[in-house]
Amino acid sequence: MEAKQKAVQVTELLEEKFGIPPRDNVMDPLSALILTVLSQSTNDKNRDHAYRRLREKYPNWEEVMNGDVNIIADAIRPGGLANQKSERIKAILKWIKDEYGSLNLDSLCDMDTDAIIEKFTQLKGVGVKTISVVMMFSCGIDIFPVDTHVHRICRRLGFLPEKATAEKTFWVMRPLVPKGKSYSLHMNFLKLGRTICFARKPKCEICPVSGVCEFYLRKKDDINSE
């Protein structure tokens, strides 16, 4: 089966299993960018805790930009890597203020997708995953972010080699994901990764896409050959 056809089939199977995910309340692009930076190397609960503490301490982004890096670090400590993230957040905010004249990224949603990636990935702490998350969630852009779950599932399905990096996965999957289905496939991959396709001991026997999964088919062959 061709990769593009397989991506269509996987998307359809997951929508049959989990449904078409609704879009939640949309966060403005700048807030989403800072939230996504805070999400790095932690879970959603700790990320949200760190974000709430930051906004309680500094109600607006101007105050964060001008704030003491140590106080910012203390506020976001629940999210981990607090010293690194506090410095990066301040630097990102300063760059945005210098580049756009204000701490507002609403114009991001009108920019060319490739231009956004090229421009923002030059910033420390902003990789392809981070900026694509902002584009998809805040702007509704049809782009497919690759997080830990998405990366694992794409490799197991056989879209690319096991040792491929997350960034490589992003570029390989970009032309394969059915048009208009990036959000649906991303969210359903997250659900699949959190409930069935675990990093260890995945529940392949109840997986809706096991029939087209190279990881499962190899495992099945190994069992049959014993």
C-alpha atoms as a PDB file:
ATOM      1  CA  MET A   1       0.000   0.000   0.000  1.00  0.00           C
ATOM      2  CA  GLU A   2       1.298   3.452  -0.903  1.00  0.00           C
ATOM      3  CA  ALA A   3       2.125   5.704   2.044  1.00  0.00           C
ATOM      4  CA  LYS A   4      -0.429   8.365   1.075  1.00  0.00           C
ATOM      5  CA  GLN A   5      -3.201   5.800   0.734  1.00  0.00           C
ATOM      6  CA  LYS A   6      -2.180   4.284   4.053  1.00  0.00           C
ATOM      7  CA  ALA A   7      -2.382   7.685   5.756  1.00  0.00           C
ATOM      8  CA  VAL A   8      -5.931   8.100   4.441  1.00  0.00           C
ATOM      9  CA  GLN A   9      -6.899   4.656   5.727  1.00  0.00           C
ATOM     10  CA  VAL A  10      -5.348   5.266   9.154  1.00  0.00           C
ATOM     11  CA  THR A  11      -7.165   8.607   9.436  1.00  0.00           C
ATOM     12  CA  GLU A  12     -10.493   6.984   8.578  1.00  0.00           C
ATOM     13  CA  LEU A  13      -9.998   4.039  10.945  1.00  0.00           C
ATOM     14  CA  LEU A  14      -9.159   6.344  13.836  1.00  0.00           C
ATOM     15  CA  GLU A  15     -12.164   8.566  13.143  1.00  0.00           C
ATOM     16  CA  GLU A  16     -14.356   5.452  13.161  1.00  0.00           C
ATOM     17  CA  LYS A  17     -12.873   4.461  16.526  1.00  0.00           C
ATOM     18  CA  PHE A  18     -12.545   7.826  18.281  1.00  0.00           C
ATOM     19  CA  GLY A  19     -14.710  10.163  16.198  1.00  0.00           C
ATOM     20  CA  ILE A  20     -13.755  13.513  14.673  1.00  0.00           C
ATOM     21  CA  PRO A  21     -12.229  15.539  17.515  1.00  0.00           C
ATOM     22  CA  PRO A  22     -13.906  18.881  18.239  1.00  0.00           C
ATOM     23  CA  ARG A  23     -11.794  22.006  18.465  1.00  0.00           C
ATOM     24  CA  ASP A  24     -11.412  23.405  21.972  1.00  0.00           C
ATOM     25  CA  ASN A  25     -11.362  27.082  22.901  1.00  0.00           C
ATOM     26  CA  VAL A  26      -8.680  28.794  20.842  1.00  0.00           C
ATOM     27  CA  MET A  27      -5.764  30.447  22.650  1.00  0.00           C
ATOM     28  CA  ASP A  28      -4.092  33.457  21.026  1.00  0.00           C
ATOM     29  CA  PRO A  29      -0.818  32.582  19.215  1.00  0.00           C
ATOM     30  CA  LEU A  30       1.541  34.297  21.663  1.00  0.00           C
ATOM     31  CA  SER A  31      -0.008  32.652  24.716  1.00  0.00           C
ATOM     32  CA  ALA A  32       0.006  29.322  22.884  1.00  0.00           C
ATOM     33  CA  LEU A  33       3.682  29.752  22.036  1.00  0.00           C
ATOM     34  CA  ILE A  34       4.663  30.340  25.666  1.00  0.00           C
ATOM     35  CA  LEU A  35       2.437  27.473  26.816  1.00  0.00           C
ATOM     36  CA  THR A  36       4.083  25.149  24.292  1.00  0.00           C
ATOM     37  CA  VAL A  37       7.573  26.163  25.406  1.00  0.00           C
ATOM     38  CA  LEU A  38       6.491  25.318  28.953  1.00  0.00           C
ATOM     39  CA  SER A  39       5.229  21.930  27.749  1.00  0.00           C
ATOM     40  CA  GLN A  40       8.692  20.779  26.694  1.00  0.00           C
ATOM     41  CA  SER A  41       9.992  17.775  28.674  1.00  0.00           C
ATOM     42  CA  THR A  42       6.985  17.645  30.985  1.00  0.00           C
ATOM     43  CA  ASN A  43       3.363  16.501  31.061  1.00  0.00           C
ATOM     44  CA  ASP A  44       0.201  18.529  30.477  1.00  0.00           C
ATOM     45  CA  LYS A  45      -0.627  18.793  34.183  1.00  0.00           C
ATOM     46  CA  ASN A  46       2.759  20.274  35.122  1.00  0.00           C
ATOM     47  CA  ARG A  47       2.735  22.517  32.050  1.00  0.00           C
ATOM     48  CA  ASP A  48      -0.665  23.955  32.949  1.00  0.00           C
ATOM     49  CA  HIS A  49       0.385  24.446  36.572  1.00  0.00           C
ATOM     50  CA  ALA A  50       3.506  26.331  35.480  1.00  0.00           C
ATOM     51  CA  TYR A  51       1.506  28.480  33.042  1.00  0.00           C
ATOM     52  CA  ARG A  52      -1.097  29.398  35.672  1.00  0.00           C
ATOM     53  CA  ARG A  53       1.603  30.375  38.163  1.00  0.00           C
ATOM     54  CA  LEU A  54       3.330  32.521  35.534  1.00  0.00           C
ATOM     55  CA  ARG A  55       0.124  34.377  34.629  1.00  0.00           C
ATOM     56  CA  GLU A  56      -0.759  34.870  38.288  1.00  0.00           C
ATOM     57  CA  LYS A  57       2.661  36.403  38.916  1.00  0.00           C
ATOM     58  CA  TYR A  58       2.719  38.435  35.693  1.00  0.00           C
ATOM     59  CA  PRO A  59      -0.767  39.226  34.276  1.00  0.00           C
ATOM     60  CA  ASN A  60       0.601  40.424  30.910  1.00  0.00           C
ATOM     61  CA  TRP A  61       3.496  39.461  28.639  1.00  0.00           C
ATOM     62  CA  GLU A  62       5.162  42.866  28.909  1.00  0.00           C
ATOM     63  CA  GLU A  63       5.690  42.190  32.615  1.00  0.00           C
ATOM     64  CA  VAL A  64       7.164  38.769  31.852  1.00  0.00           C
ATOM     65  CA  MET A  65       9.535  40.279  29.276  1.00  0.00           C
ATOM     66  CA  ASN A  66      10.740  42.848  31.812  1.00  0.00           C
ATOM     67  CA  GLY A  67      10.594  40.496  34.785  1.00  0.00           C
ATOM     68  CA  ASP A  68      13.456  39.048  36.797  1.00  0.00           C
ATOM     69  CA  VAL A  69      14.586  35.758  35.263  1.00  0.00           C
ATOM     70  CA  ASN A  70      14.899  34.127  38.692  1.00  0.00           C
ATOM     71  CA  ILE A  71      11.377  35.114  39.726  1.00  0.00           C
ATOM     72  CA  ILE A  72      10.040  33.809  36.410  1.00  0.00           C
ATOM     73  CA  ALA A  73      11.960  30.562  36.938  1.00  0.00           C
ATOM     74  CA  ASP A  74      10.436  30.169  40.385  1.00  0.00           C
ATOM     75  CA  ALA A  75       6.935  30.699  38.981  1.00  0.00           C
ATOM     76  CA  ILE A  76       7.319  28.079  36.250  1.00  0.00           C
ATOM     77  CA  ARG A  77       9.295  25.545  38.319  1.00  0.00           C
ATOM     78  CA  PRO A  78       6.490  22.927  38.344  1.00  0.00           C
ATOM     79  CA  GLY A  79       7.043  22.530  34.577  1.00  0.00           C
ATOM     80  CA  GLY A  80      10.699  21.550  34.927  1.00  0.00           C
ATOM     81  CA  LEU A  81      13.824  23.050  33.308  1.00  0.00           C
ATOM     82  CA  ALA A  82      12.742  26.322  34.913  1.00  0.00           C
ATOM     83  CA  ASN A  83      16.034  28.210  34.578  1.00  0.00           C
ATOM     84  CA  GLN A  84      16.404  27.339  30.906  1.00  0.00           C
ATOM     85  CA  LYS A  85      12.772  28.009  30.047  1.00  0.00           C
ATOM     86  CA  SER A  86      12.664  31.344  31.900  1.00  0.00           C
ATOM     87  CA  GLU A  87      15.626  32.666  29.919  1.00  0.00           C
ATOM     88  CA  ARG A  88      14.183  31.414  26.656  1.00  0.00           C
ATOM     89  CA  ILE A  89      10.733  32.865  27.316  1.00  0.00           C
ATOM     90  CA  LYS A  90      12.210  36.291  28.065  1.00  0.00           C
ATOM     91  CA  ALA A  91      14.350  36.120  24.916  1.00  0.00           C
ATOM     92  CA  ILE A  92      11.385  35.034  22.781  1.00  0.00           C
ATOM     93  CA  LEU A  93       9.215  37.869  24.089  1.00  0.00           C
ATOM     94  CA  LYS A  94      11.968  40.428  23.503  1.00  0.00           C
ATOM     95  CA  TRP A  95      12.473  39.161  19.947  1.00  0.00           C
ATOM     96  CA  ILE A  96       8.732  39.368  19.228  1.00  0.00           C
ATOM     97  CA  LYS A  97       8.568  42.924  20.596  1.00  0.00           C
ATOM     98  CA  ASP A  98      11.556  43.958  18.454  1.00  0.00           C
ATOM     99  CA  GLU A  99      10.291  42.134  15.358  1.00  0.00           C
ATOM    100  CA  TYR A 100       6.599  43.059  15.477  1.00  0.00           C
ATOM    101  CA  GLY A 101       6.564  46.229  17.559  1.00  0.00           C
ATOM    102  CA  SER A 102       4.251  44.759  20.188  1.00  0.00           C
ATOM    103  CA  LEU A 103       3.711  41.570  22.133  1.00  0.00           C
ATOM    104  CA  ASN A 104       1.074  40.257  19.778  1.00  0.00           C
ATOM    105  CA  LEU A 105       1.367  37.374  17.311  1.00  0.00           C
ATOM    106  CA  ASP A 106      -2.102  37.461  15.756  1.00  0.00           C
ATOM    107  CA  SER A 107      -0.553  38.316  12.373  1.00  0.00           C
ATOM    108  CA  LEU A 108       1.150  34.919  12.448  1.00  0.00           C
ATOM    109  CA  CYS A 109      -2.064  33.310  11.248  1.00  0.00           C
ATOM    110  CA  ASP A 110      -1.896  35.243   7.969  1.00  0.00           C
ATOM    111  CA  MET A 111       1.708  34.316   7.172  1.00  0.00           C
ATOM    112  CA  ASP A 112       2.938  31.606   4.815  1.00  0.00           C
ATOM    113  CA  THR A 113       3.417  28.326   6.679  1.00  0.00           C
ATOM    114  CA  ASP A 114       6.970  27.683   5.490  1.00  0.00           C
ATOM    115  CA  ALA A 115       7.926  31.278   6.273  1.00  0.00           C
ATOM    116  CA  ILE A 116       6.624  30.851   9.826  1.00  0.00           C
ATOM    117  CA  ILE A 117       8.658  27.674  10.321  1.00  0.00           C
ATOM    118  CA  GLU A 118      11.825  29.219   8.907  1.00  0.00           C
ATOM    119  CA  LYS A 119      11.474  32.394  10.947  1.00  0.00           C
ATOM    120  CA  PHE A 120      10.512  31.006  14.344  1.00  0.00           C
ATOM    121  CA  THR A 121      12.736  27.937  14.454  1.00  0.00           C
ATOM    122  CA  GLN A 122      15.719  30.292  14.582  1.00  0.00           C
ATOM    123  CA  LEU A 123      14.719  31.053  18.177  1.00  0.00           C
ATOM    124  CA  LYS A 124      16.161  28.981  21.010  1.00  0.00           C
ATOM    125  CA  GLY A 125      13.428  26.805  22.458  1.00  0.00           C
ATOM    126  CA  VAL A 126      11.228  26.961  19.349  1.00  0.00           C
ATOM    127  CA  GLY A 127      11.532  23.881  17.168  1.00  0.00           C
ATOM    128  CA  VAL A 128       9.333  22.645  14.356  1.00  0.00           C
ATOM    129  CA  LYS A 129       7.040  20.860  16.811  1.00  0.00           C
ATOM    130  CA  THR A 130       6.542  23.951  18.975  1.00  0.00           C
ATOM    131  CA  ILE A 131       5.669  26.349  16.173  1.00  0.00           C
ATOM    132  CA  SER A 132       3.514  23.802  14.325  1.00  0.00           C
ATOM    133  CA  VAL A 133       1.490  23.261  17.525  1.00  0.00           C
ATOM    134  CA  VAL A 134       0.855  27.018  17.664  1.00  0.00           C
ATOM    135  CA  MET A 135      -0.121  27.131  13.990  1.00  0.00           C
ATOM    136  CA  MET A 136      -2.518  24.204  14.254  1.00  0.00           C
ATOM    137  CA  PHE A 137      -4.205  25.044  17.565  1.00  0.00           C
ATOM    138  CA  SER A 138      -4.275  28.862  17.460  1.00  0.00           C
ATOM    139  CA  CYS A 139      -4.508  29.578  13.739  1.00  0.00           C
ATOM    140  CA  GLY A 140      -6.350  26.503  12.499  1.00  0.00           C
ATOM    141  CA  ILE A 141      -3.610  25.940   9.923  1.00  0.00           C
ATOM    142  CA  ASP A 142      -3.676  22.479   8.347  1.00  0.00           C
ATOM    143  CA  ILE A 143      -0.310  21.325   9.686  1.00  0.00           C
ATOM    144  CA  PHE A 144       0.633  18.118  11.508  1.00  0.00           C
ATOM    145  CA  PRO A 145       2.709  18.572  14.692  1.00  0.00           C
ATOM    146  CA  VAL A 146       4.829  15.619  15.789  1.00  0.00           C
ATOM    147  CA  ASP A 147       5.029  15.025  19.525  1.00  0.00           C
ATOM    148  CA  THR A 148       6.228  11.906  21.368  1.00  0.00           C
ATOM    149  CA  HIS A 149       3.051   9.901  20.732  1.00  0.00           C
ATOM    150  CA  VAL A 150       2.761  10.915  17.075  1.00  0.00           C
ATOM    151  CA  HIS A 151       6.432  10.150  16.481  1.00  0.00           C
ATOM    152  CA  ARG A 152       6.164   6.677  18.012  1.00  0.00           C
ATOM    153  CA  ILE A 153       2.973   5.761  16.165  1.00  0.00           C
ATOM    154  CA  CYS A 154       4.195   6.977  12.765  1.00  0.00           C
ATOM    155  CA  ARG A 155       7.315   4.842  13.078  1.00  0.00           C
ATOM    156  CA  ARG A 156       5.398   1.792  14.252  1.00  0.00           C
ATOM    157  CA  LEU A 157       2.966   2.107  11.376  1.00  0.00           C
ATOM    158  CA  GLY A 158       5.967   2.038   9.047  1.00  0.00           C
ATOM    159  CA  PHE A 159       5.771   5.506   7.552  1.00  0.00           C
ATOM    160  CA  LEU A 160       9.498   5.902   8.245  1.00  0.00           C
ATOM    161  CA  PRO A 161      12.383   4.018   9.914  1.00  0.00           C
ATOM    162  CA  GLU A 162      12.458   3.340  13.654  1.00  0.00           C
ATOM    163  CA  LYS A 163      15.508   5.558  14.148  1.00  0.00           C
ATOM    164  CA  ALA A 164      14.032   8.576  12.354  1.00  0.00           C
ATOM    165  CA  THR A 165      13.981  11.795  14.368  1.00  0.00           C
ATOM    166  CA  ALA A 166      10.795  13.655  15.276  1.00  0.00           C
ATOM    167  CA  GLU A 167      11.710  16.449  12.863  1.00  0.00           C
ATOM    168  CA  LYS A 168      12.244  13.931  10.058  1.00  0.00           C
ATOM    169  CA  THR A 169       8.828  12.479  10.888  1.00  0.00           C
ATOM    170  CA  PHE A 170       7.278  15.944  10.555  1.00  0.00           C
ATOM    171  CA  TRP A 171       8.668  16.475   7.049  1.00  0.00           C
ATOM    172  CA  VAL A 172       7.845  12.940   5.867  1.00  0.00           C
ATOM    173  CA  MET A 173       4.273  13.054   7.164  1.00  0.00           C
ATOM    174  CA  ARG A 174       3.519  16.568   5.952  1.00  0.00           C
ATOM    175  CA  PRO A 175       2.606  15.591   2.358  1.00  0.00           C
ATOM    176  CA  LEU A 176       1.008  12.294   3.429  1.00  0.00           C
ATOM    177  CA  VAL A 177      -1.669  13.500   5.863  1.00  0.00           C
ATOM    178  CA  PRO A 178      -4.999  13.920   4.017  1.00  0.00           C
ATOM    179  CA  LYS A 179      -5.851  17.535   3.269  1.00  0.00           C
ATOM    180  CA  GLY A 180      -7.891  19.106   6.054  1.00  0.00           C
ATOM    181  CA  LYS A 181      -7.258  16.186   8.409  1.00  0.00           C
ATOM    182  CA  SER A 182      -4.117  17.280  10.271  1.00  0.00           C
ATOM    183  CA  TYR A 183      -5.992  18.247  13.441  1.00  0.00           C
ATOM    184  CA  SER A 184      -8.113  15.108  13.451  1.00  0.00           C
ATOM    185  CA  LEU A 185      -5.176  12.761  12.870  1.00  0.00           C
ATOM    186  CA  HIS A 186      -2.959  14.535  15.399  1.00  0.00           C
ATOM    187  CA  MET A 187      -5.578  14.452  18.151  1.00  0.00           C
ATOM    188  CA  ASN A 188      -6.566  10.857  17.422  1.00  0.00           C
ATOM    189  CA  PHE A 189      -2.911   9.781  17.439  1.00  0.00           C
ATOM    190  CA  LEU A 190      -2.630  11.393  20.883  1.00  0.00           C
ATOM    191  CA  LYS A 191      -5.652   9.442  22.069  1.00  0.00           C
ATOM    192  CA  LEU A 192      -4.284   6.238  20.535  1.00  0.00           C
ATOM    193  CA  GLY A 193      -0.887   6.782  22.159  1.00  0.00           C
ATOM    194  CA  ARG A 194      -2.380   7.480  25.577  1.00  0.00           C
ATOM    195  CA  THR A 195      -4.861   4.598  25.619  1.00  0.00           C
ATOM    196  CA  ILE A 196      -3.573   1.807  23.353  1.00  0.00           C
ATOM    197  CA  CYS A 197      -0.224   2.383  21.617  1.00  0.00           C
ATOM    198  CA  PHE A 198       1.921   2.731  24.738  1.00  0.00           C
ATOM    199  CA  ALA A 199       5.698   3.008  24.470  1.00  0.00           C
ATOM    200  CA  ARG A 200       5.896  -0.231  26.464  1.00  0.00           C
ATOM    201  CA  LYS A 201       3.450  -3.103  26.177  1.00  0.00           C
ATOM    202  CA  PRO A 202       1.104  -1.591  23.577  1.00  0.00           C
ATOM    203  CA  LYS A 203      -2.359  -3.162  23.382  1.00  0.00           C
ATOM    204  CA  CYS A 204      -2.016  -4.168  19.733  1.00  0.00           C
ATOM    205  CA  GLU A 205      -4.846  -6.694  19.968  1.00  0.00           C
ATOM    206  CA  ILE A 206      -7.430  -3.910  20.402  1.00  0.00           C
ATOM    207  CA  CYS A 207      -5.780  -1.299  18.167  1.00  0.00           C
ATOM    208  CA  PRO A 208      -8.004  -0.028  15.323  1.00  0.00           C
ATOM    209  CA  VAL A 209      -5.015   0.317  12.968  1.00  0.00           C
ATOM    210  CA  SER A 210      -3.197  -2.941  13.775  1.00  0.00           C
ATOM    211  CA  GLY A 211      -4.130  -4.330  10.355  1.00  0.00           C
ATOM    212  CA  VAL A 212      -1.873  -1.782   8.644  1.00  0.00           C
ATOM    213  CA  CYS A 213       0.763  -1.535  11.389  1.00  0.00           C
ATOM    214  CA  GLU A 214       4.197  -2.904  10.514  1.00  0.00           C
ATOM    215  CA  PHE A 215       5.164  -3.138  14.193  1.00  0.00           C
ATOM    216  CA  TYR A 216       2.171  -5.371  14.943  1.00  0.00           C
ATOM    217  CA  LEU A 217       2.525  -7.448  11.783  1.00  0.00           C
ATOM    218  CA  ARG A 218       6.196  -8.133  12.577  1.00  0.00           C
ATOM    219  CA  LYS A 219       5.293  -9.074  16.132  1.00  0.00           C
ATOM    220  CA  LYS A 220       2.552 -11.375  14.853  1.00  0.00           C
ATOM    221  CA  ASP A 221       4.970 -13.061  12.429  1.00  0.00           C
ATOM    222  CA  ASP A 222       7.499 -13.569  15.230  1.00  0.00           C
ATOM    223  CA  ILE A 223       4.872 -15.266  17.397  1.00  0.00           C
ATOM    224  CA  ASN A 224       3.714 -17.495  14.538  1.00  0.00           C
ATOM    225  CA  SER A 225       7.276 -18.563  13.716  1.00  0.00           C
ATOM    226  CA  GLU A 226       8.011 -19.724  17.263  1.00  0.00           C
END
